[in-house]
Protein backbone atom coordinates (compact mmCIF):
# COMPACT_ATOMS: atom_id res chain seq x y z
CA MET A 1 79.73 113.76 122.14
CA LYS A 2 82.23 111.08 121.22
CA GLY A 3 82.43 109.54 117.76
CA ARG A 4 80.35 106.49 116.99
CA LEU A 5 80.47 103.45 114.74
CA CYS A 6 77.68 103.44 112.17
CA THR A 7 76.40 99.93 111.59
CA TRP A 8 73.63 98.12 109.78
CA GLY A 9 72.51 95.09 111.76
CA SER A 10 74.01 91.76 110.78
CA VAL A 11 75.45 93.20 107.56
CA THR A 12 78.16 94.77 109.70
CA ALA A 13 79.51 91.35 110.62
CA LEU A 14 79.58 90.24 107.01
CA MET A 15 80.66 93.28 105.06
CA GLY A 16 82.05 95.87 107.47
CA ALA A 17 80.42 98.98 108.87
CA PHE A 18 78.38 101.17 106.52
CA CYS A 19 76.48 104.36 107.28
CA VAL A 20 72.85 103.98 106.18
CA ALA A 21 71.79 107.33 107.61
CA PRO A 22 73.66 110.65 107.57
CA CYS A 23 76.73 110.29 109.80
CA PHE A 24 77.93 113.62 111.08
CA ALA A 25 80.29 112.28 113.74
CA GLN A 26 83.62 110.52 113.37
CA THR A 27 83.23 107.10 111.76
CA LEU A 28 85.25 103.97 111.09
CA THR A 29 84.28 101.94 108.04
CA TRP A 30 85.60 98.44 107.44
CA LEU A 31 85.70 98.02 103.66
CA GLY A 32 85.46 94.24 103.33
CA THR A 33 87.71 91.78 101.47
CA LEU A 34 85.99 90.93 98.14
CA ASP A 35 85.01 87.73 99.99
CA TYR A 36 88.71 86.87 100.12
CA ARG A 37 90.99 86.29 103.10
CA SER A 38 92.09 89.88 103.82
CA SER A 39 92.57 93.37 102.38
CA ILE A 40 94.58 96.55 102.84
CA ALA A 41 93.79 100.10 101.73
CA THR A 42 96.72 101.90 100.12
CA ASP A 43 95.29 105.28 99.07
CA VAL A 44 92.24 107.54 99.29
CA SER A 45 90.86 110.35 97.11
CA ASP A 46 90.87 113.93 98.36
CA ASP A 47 87.19 113.84 99.32
CA GLY A 48 87.34 110.37 100.90
CA SER A 49 84.79 108.89 98.49
CA VAL A 50 87.21 106.51 96.75
CA VAL A 51 89.61 104.04 98.37
CA VAL A 52 91.95 101.66 96.55
CA GLY A 53 94.07 98.77 97.70
CA ILE A 54 94.71 95.05 97.57
CA ALA A 55 92.60 92.03 98.54
CA TYR A 56 94.26 88.67 99.21
CA THR A 57 92.73 85.28 98.41
CA PRO A 58 93.06 82.24 100.72
CA ASN A 59 95.93 81.10 98.47
CA TYR A 60 97.57 84.54 98.92
CA ASP A 61 96.93 85.58 95.35
CA PHE A 62 96.15 89.29 95.23
CA ARG A 63 93.62 91.50 93.46
CA ALA A 64 93.50 95.29 93.13
CA PHE A 65 90.26 96.82 94.41
CA TYR A 66 88.32 100.05 93.98
CA TRP A 67 85.90 101.03 96.76
CA ARG A 68 83.27 103.69 96.31
CA ASN A 69 79.96 104.46 98.01
CA GLY A 70 80.10 101.39 100.22
CA ARG A 71 80.96 98.91 97.47
CA MET A 72 84.29 97.18 96.82
CA GLU A 73 84.98 95.89 93.30
CA PRO A 74 88.02 94.28 91.67
CA ILE A 75 89.89 96.50 89.21
CA ALA A 76 90.30 93.80 86.55
CA PRO A 77 87.34 92.13 84.82
CA PRO A 78 86.20 88.84 86.41
CA ARG A 79 87.76 86.85 83.56
CA TRP A 80 91.20 88.29 84.31
CA LEU A 81 93.38 85.60 85.87
CA GLY A 82 96.51 87.62 86.63
CA TRP A 83 97.52 89.11 89.96
CA SER A 84 96.99 92.84 90.48
CA GLN A 85 97.73 95.50 93.09
CA ALA A 86 96.41 99.07 93.39
CA TYR A 87 98.84 101.44 95.08
CA GLY A 88 97.51 104.90 94.32
CA VAL A 89 94.52 106.96 93.23
CA SER A 90 94.44 110.45 91.78
CA GLY A 91 93.23 113.22 94.03
CA ASP A 92 89.98 113.49 92.10
CA GLY A 93 89.38 109.74 92.51
CA ASN A 94 89.14 109.02 88.79
CA VAL A 95 92.47 107.29 88.06
CA VAL A 96 93.80 104.19 89.85
CA VAL A 97 97.42 103.06 89.42
CA GLY A 98 99.31 99.91 90.33
CA ASP A 99 100.68 96.78 88.71
CA MET A 100 99.04 93.76 87.10
CA MET A 101 100.13 90.52 85.48
CA ASP A 102 100.01 90.76 81.69
CA SER A 103 99.19 87.99 79.22
CA VAL A 104 102.74 86.55 79.32
CA GLY A 105 103.13 86.61 83.10
CA TYR A 106 105.00 89.87 83.78
CA MET A 107 103.86 92.43 86.36
CA VAL A 108 103.41 95.71 84.49
CA ALA A 109 102.40 99.23 85.51
CA PHE A 110 98.79 100.17 84.80
CA LYS A 111 96.28 102.99 85.05
CA TRP A 112 92.57 102.32 85.28
CA THR A 113 89.50 104.53 85.16
CA PRO A 114 85.85 103.54 85.66
CA SER A 115 84.99 104.92 82.22
CA ALA A 116 87.93 103.85 80.04
CA GLY A 117 89.06 100.73 81.90
CA LEU A 118 92.59 99.37 81.87
CA GLU A 119 95.71 100.80 80.21
CA PHE A 120 99.25 99.45 80.53
CA LEU A 121 101.88 102.19 80.76
CA GLY A 122 104.89 100.43 79.22
CA ALA A 123 108.19 99.61 80.88
CA LEU A 124 111.02 101.77 79.47
CA GLY A 125 111.40 99.24 76.69
CA GLY A 126 111.66 96.37 79.17
CA VAL A 127 109.26 93.77 80.47
CA GLY A 128 107.71 95.04 83.69
CA GLY A 129 107.01 97.82 86.12
CA THR A 130 104.92 99.20 88.95
CA ALA A 131 102.96 102.47 89.21
CA LEU A 132 102.94 103.77 92.78
CA ALA A 133 101.38 107.25 92.77
CA ALA A 134 99.46 109.72 90.61
CA SER A 135 99.04 113.50 90.40
CA TYR A 136 95.74 115.17 91.29
CA ASP A 137 94.13 114.58 87.88
CA GLY A 138 96.02 111.38 87.07
CA SER A 139 97.82 112.88 84.07
CA THR A 140 101.19 112.19 85.74
CA ILE A 141 102.05 108.78 87.20
CA VAL A 142 105.28 107.63 88.87
CA GLY A 143 106.81 104.32 89.85
CA GLY A 144 109.56 101.89 88.84
CA ALA A 145 110.11 100.07 85.54
CA GLU A 146 112.50 97.44 84.22
CA THR A 147 114.74 98.07 81.22
CA ARG A 148 115.97 95.54 78.69
CA ASP A 149 119.33 95.26 80.46
CA GLU A 150 117.51 94.29 83.70
CA GLN A 151 117.81 97.62 85.46
CA ARG A 152 114.88 98.90 87.49
CA LEU A 153 114.58 102.66 87.24
CA ALA A 154 112.31 105.31 88.70
CA PHE A 155 109.99 106.74 86.06
CA ARG A 156 107.52 109.52 85.42
CA TRP A 157 104.69 108.86 82.95
CA ARG A 158 102.75 111.78 81.48
CA GLN A 159 99.62 111.71 79.38
CA GLY A 160 100.65 112.06 75.74
CA GLN A 161 104.37 111.76 76.52
CA GLY A 162 104.70 108.23 77.85
CA MET A 163 107.24 106.93 80.34
CA THR A 164 110.66 108.49 80.94
CA ALA A 165 113.42 107.58 83.43
CA LEU A 166 114.18 110.18 86.11
CA GLY A 167 117.92 109.62 86.16
CA ALA A 168 118.03 107.97 89.58
CA PRO A 169 120.54 105.12 89.91
CA ASN A 170 119.64 101.46 89.51
CA VAL A 171 117.73 99.99 91.48
CA SER A 172 115.16 102.76 92.04
CA ALA A 173 111.45 103.57 92.14
CA ALA A 174 109.47 106.81 92.48
CA THR A 175 107.07 106.66 95.42
CA GLY A 176 105.29 110.02 95.35
CA VAL A 177 104.45 113.00 93.14
CA SER A 178 103.13 116.51 93.73
CA ALA A 179 99.59 117.43 92.68
CA ASN A 180 100.83 119.13 89.49
CA GLY A 181 103.27 116.32 88.65
CA ASN A 182 106.40 118.51 88.75
CA VAL A 183 108.07 117.21 91.92
CA VAL A 184 108.80 113.50 92.40
CA ILE A 185 110.28 111.56 95.31
CA GLY A 186 111.54 108.01 95.52
CA ASN A 187 114.15 105.60 96.76
CA VAL A 188 117.26 103.84 95.52
CA ASN A 189 118.23 100.38 96.75
CA GLN A 190 122.00 99.94 96.59
CA GLY A 191 123.11 96.57 97.87
CA GLY A 192 120.29 96.41 100.38
CA THR A 193 120.71 99.99 101.63
CA VAL A 194 117.84 102.37 100.88
CA ARG A 195 118.54 106.01 100.01
CA ALA A 196 115.84 108.63 99.33
CA PHE A 197 115.82 111.12 96.45
CA TYR A 198 113.73 114.00 95.20
CA TRP A 199 113.47 115.13 91.58
CA THR A 200 112.47 118.17 89.56
CA GLU A 201 113.13 118.94 85.91
CA ALA A 202 115.52 121.70 87.00
CA THR A 203 117.56 119.70 89.54
CA GLY A 204 117.26 116.12 88.33
CA ALA A 205 117.47 113.38 90.97
CA GLN A 206 119.07 114.65 94.19
CA MET A 207 119.89 112.37 97.12
CA MET A 208 118.44 113.28 100.53
CA THR A 209 120.08 113.21 103.95
CA GLY A 210 119.00 111.51 107.17
CA PHE A 211 120.29 110.95 110.70
CA GLY A 212 123.60 109.30 109.89
CA GLY A 213 122.34 105.72 109.79
CA ALA A 214 122.21 103.32 106.87
CA ASN A 215 118.72 103.73 105.43
CA ILE A 216 116.72 106.80 104.38
CA ALA A 217 113.35 106.42 102.64
CA ALA A 218 110.93 108.96 101.17
CA GLN A 219 107.37 107.64 101.34
CA ALA A 220 105.07 110.57 100.48
CA ILE A 221 105.00 114.23 99.45
CA ASN A 222 102.35 116.86 100.08
CA PRO A 223 100.37 118.32 97.14
CA ASP A 224 102.51 121.43 96.60
CA GLY A 225 105.76 119.47 96.87
CA SER A 226 107.12 121.36 99.88
CA VAL A 227 107.06 118.62 102.56
CA ILE A 228 108.28 115.01 102.33
CA VAL A 229 107.84 112.27 104.92
CA GLY A 230 109.32 108.81 105.41
CA TYR A 231 111.90 107.36 107.76
CA ALA A 232 115.60 107.49 108.52
CA ASP A 233 117.91 105.25 110.52
CA TYR A 234 120.24 106.34 113.28
CA PRO A 235 123.73 104.80 113.65
CA ASP A 236 122.39 102.70 116.54
CA HIS A 237 119.99 101.03 114.03
CA THR A 238 116.86 102.64 115.44
CA ARG A 239 114.45 103.81 112.73
CA HIS A 240 112.32 106.93 113.18
CA ALA A 241 109.54 108.53 111.19
CA CYS A 242 110.67 111.91 109.90
CA ARG A 243 109.62 114.98 107.94
CA TRP A 244 111.74 116.95 105.44
CA LEU A 245 110.85 120.64 105.18
CA ASP A 246 113.84 121.08 102.87
CA PRO A 247 115.03 117.96 100.99
CA SER A 248 118.59 119.30 100.87
CA GLN A 249 118.75 119.41 104.69
CA PRO A 250 118.44 116.72 107.42
CA PRO A 251 114.85 115.88 108.35
CA GLN A 252 112.88 116.54 111.51
CA ASP A 253 112.55 113.51 113.78
CA ILE A 254 108.83 113.16 114.59
CA HIS A 255 109.16 109.94 116.59
CA THR A 256 107.80 111.01 119.99
CA VAL A 257 106.59 107.76 121.58
CA SER A 258 108.79 106.50 124.41
CA ASN A 259 107.96 102.79 124.16
CA SER A 260 109.28 102.29 120.64
CA THR A 261 112.44 102.52 118.56
CA LEU A 262 110.79 101.88 115.17
CA SER A 263 108.34 104.04 113.24
CA VAL A 264 107.60 104.89 109.60
CA ALA A 265 105.73 107.91 108.21
CA ARG A 266 103.45 106.99 105.29
CA ASP A 267 101.63 110.17 104.28
CA VAL A 268 101.43 113.90 104.94
CA SER A 269 98.67 116.49 104.74
CA ALA A 270 98.62 119.47 102.38
CA SER A 271 99.73 121.76 105.21
CA GLY A 272 102.57 119.41 106.11
CA ASP A 273 101.46 119.46 109.75
CA ILE A 274 99.63 116.13 109.90
CA VAL A 275 101.52 112.88 109.33
CA VAL A 276 100.28 109.29 109.52
CA GLY A 277 102.08 105.97 109.60
CA GLN A 278 102.86 103.13 111.98
CA TYR A 279 105.12 102.48 114.94
CA HIS A 280 106.19 99.23 116.58
CA PRO A 281 106.06 99.19 120.39
CA THR A 282 109.13 97.73 122.07
CA GLY A 283 108.41 94.10 122.87
CA GLY A 284 105.14 94.19 120.90
CA THR A 285 104.17 91.73 118.21
CA VAL A 286 102.38 94.10 115.80
CA SER A 287 102.71 97.62 114.45
CA LEU A 288 100.13 100.24 115.42
CA ALA A 289 98.77 103.16 113.38
CA PHE A 290 99.72 106.69 114.44
CA ARG A 291 98.94 110.31 113.62
CA TRP A 292 101.44 113.09 114.34
CA THR A 293 100.90 116.83 114.68
CA PRO A 294 103.30 119.48 116.01
CA ALA A 295 100.98 120.24 118.92
CA ARG A 296 100.20 116.69 120.06
CA GLY A 297 103.15 114.67 118.81
CA MET A 298 102.66 111.03 117.80
CA GLU A 299 99.30 109.58 118.88
CA ASP A 300 98.18 105.96 118.61
CA LEU A 301 94.98 105.95 116.53
CA ASN A 302 93.77 102.95 118.52
CA THR A 303 93.73 105.16 121.61
CA VAL A 304 92.40 108.35 120.03
CA TYR A 305 89.52 106.54 118.31
CA ALA A 306 88.97 103.73 120.81
CA ASP A 307 85.22 104.45 120.85
CA LEU A 308 85.01 103.58 117.15
CA LEU A 309 86.73 100.21 117.41
CA PRO A 310 84.56 97.10 117.86
CA TYR A 311 85.86 94.67 120.48
CA GLY A 312 88.96 92.86 119.21
CA SER A 313 89.70 95.46 116.51
CA VAL A 314 93.18 96.90 115.98
CA LEU A 315 94.43 99.50 113.49
CA PHE A 316 97.85 98.28 112.34
CA HIS A 317 98.87 100.70 109.59
CA ALA A 318 97.81 104.16 108.49
CA LEU A 319 98.99 104.11 104.88
CA ALA A 320 97.41 107.20 103.34
CA MET A 321 95.42 110.30 104.18
CA SER A 322 93.37 112.94 102.36
CA PRO A 323 95.19 116.29 101.96
CA ASN A 324 93.03 117.97 104.62
CA GLY A 325 93.87 115.21 107.10
CA ARG A 326 90.25 114.18 107.54
CA PHE A 327 90.24 110.71 105.95
CA ILE A 328 92.80 108.04 106.89
CA VAL A 329 93.04 104.58 105.32
CA GLY A 330 95.10 101.49 106.05
CA SER A 331 94.72 97.98 107.44
CA GLY A 332 93.75 96.37 110.70
CA ILE A 333 91.82 93.58 112.36
CA ASN A 334 88.04 93.96 112.17
CA GLY A 335 86.88 92.52 115.49
CA LEU A 336 83.42 91.86 114.05
CA THR A 337 84.69 89.48 111.36
CA GLY A 338 88.06 88.39 112.75
CA ARG A 339 89.66 89.26 109.42
CA ARG A 340 92.41 91.64 108.49
CA GLU A 341 90.62 94.33 106.51
CA ALA A 342 91.09 97.68 104.84
CA PHE A 343 89.59 100.58 106.78
CA LEU A 344 88.45 104.15 106.15
CA LEU A 345 88.58 106.44 109.17
CA ASP A 346 86.68 109.74 108.99
CA THR A 347 88.15 111.98 111.69
CA ARG A 348 85.80 114.90 111.14
CA VAL A 349 84.71 116.61 114.33
CA PRO A 350 81.01 117.48 114.02
CA CYS A 351 79.99 121.13 113.91
CA ARG A 352 78.38 122.49 117.07
CA ALA A 353 76.39 125.72 116.91
CA HIS A 354 77.48 128.39 119.39
CA SER A 355 76.77 131.97 120.43
CA GLY A 356 79.61 133.72 118.61
CA ASP A 357 82.81 132.94 120.55
CA VAL A 358 84.64 131.56 117.51
CA ASP A 359 88.07 131.24 119.11
CA GLU A 360 86.64 129.94 122.42
CA ASN A 361 88.53 132.41 124.60
CA GLY A 362 85.44 133.35 126.61
CA CYS A 363 85.02 136.74 124.96
CA VAL A 364 83.11 137.67 121.77
CA ASP A 365 85.35 140.36 120.34
CA ASP A 366 87.10 141.69 117.24
CA ALA A 367 88.96 138.41 116.68
CA ASP A 368 85.70 136.47 116.39
CA LEU A 369 84.17 139.08 114.10
CA LEU A 370 87.21 139.12 111.82
CA ALA A 371 87.32 135.33 111.64
CA VAL A 372 83.75 135.23 110.31
CA LEU A 373 84.35 138.15 107.94
CA PHE A 374 87.45 136.55 106.44
CA ALA A 375 85.56 133.27 105.91
CA PHE A 376 82.40 134.97 104.63
CA GLY A 377 80.87 133.15 101.67
CA GLN A 378 82.66 129.86 102.25
CA THR A 379 80.60 126.67 102.10
CA GLY A 380 81.16 123.04 103.05
CA GLN A 381 81.15 120.54 105.89
CA ASP A 382 84.53 121.40 107.42
CA LEU A 383 84.31 125.13 108.05
CA GLY A 384 84.89 124.89 111.77
CA ARG A 385 83.54 127.40 114.28
CA VAL A 386 83.25 130.25 111.76
CA ASP A 387 80.09 128.42 110.65
CA VAL A 388 78.39 129.63 113.82
CA ASN A 389 74.97 128.05 113.17
CA CYS A 390 76.32 124.89 111.44
CA ASP A 391 74.35 125.34 108.21
CA GLU A 392 77.49 124.70 106.10
CA THR A 393 77.62 128.34 104.89
CA VAL A 394 79.36 131.34 106.42
CA ASP A 395 76.82 134.09 105.78
CA ASP A 396 74.77 136.93 107.29
CA ALA A 397 73.27 134.65 109.94
CA ASP A 398 76.71 133.80 111.37
CA LEU A 399 77.83 137.43 111.23
CA LEU A 400 74.69 138.67 112.99
CA THR A 401 75.11 136.09 115.76
CA VAL A 402 78.58 137.43 116.48
CA LEU A 403 77.44 141.05 116.29
CA PHE A 404 74.52 140.56 118.66
CA ALA A 405 76.79 138.81 121.16
CA PHE A 406 79.66 141.28 120.71
CA GLY A 407 81.31 142.15 124.01
CA GLY A 408 79.79 139.22 125.84
CA GLY A 409 82.10 137.63 128.40
CA CYS A 410 84.80 140.25 127.92
């Protein structure tokens, strides 16, 4: 069975697609625009329940939003008149980070929680800044801040310690942080040329290498800090999405589409083997969202999930992804409203009960039995075929199914 779009009558056309009954197949949810002109989703929590981003008014003012359980709300109170942008959310979904106009008109870095509200993070003694990413629990936040002598420096903010510069050159900003807050990545802009760096307390800021072209950018890092993704230019000015398995070595080129010379990787899974971003087809007028894996290369999400897209819909950018690769967020055209909207794509493949052939090789044997034994006791919605009867628990029932079928087809 192919994935389906869950809708709710005419509300779909007004507010996006919402699931009003349990949705066990792949789904695409348009998140709405706060009744503004457009919106983009910039990050998603680990479990896919929280999405943050930016909504744009008809006058192109912008407001940070927080989406949860089918409802989009502005981050700032209604009386707040300043612009705001949400760029990141902690893995647990409780801390949102971004920048917001303060009472004197400067854009300053902020953190926000549903319970405690808004907190400005400071600006290295200067007048402004932007928070771009947060650790799993939100206790570490990274971004870029302005100093009194008008430098803009990458920073790391820690609960109880405040904001400190990472030692990267001016002009710089930190774009990603590991789940524990100990590894940071970012970029330095030197005269219009972008160079990527990674940082730890032991090494300080270290510059990364690319493909020999002008620009190298680090866009995201996986939770354990072992894999970095972004883009790098070649000397011929083509720009390719890439993946660093070792930041001290050149990256892996993951640009595998033949009809394009431009792509950017935006996020990476915990395993490092799923990457999302956008590519620009040669001669095309818009960018298109992609997902890359070692086995399948770079796939256009518009093609893979065509059955989920209402007529006239296009997924432009895949900007973030949950660590397990299941949830992808970004921006596109909602064909039902004609607006550019933030989206949440749930790529989960529904569980299908089977007779015990876990690895689908046509034979129920030791490999199938061991797979269930090693997963025994696990619970959840994404267990795969080791959950033989699809009851979201690997238990005696699954083991007995394999045992009774043992030797079948061999």
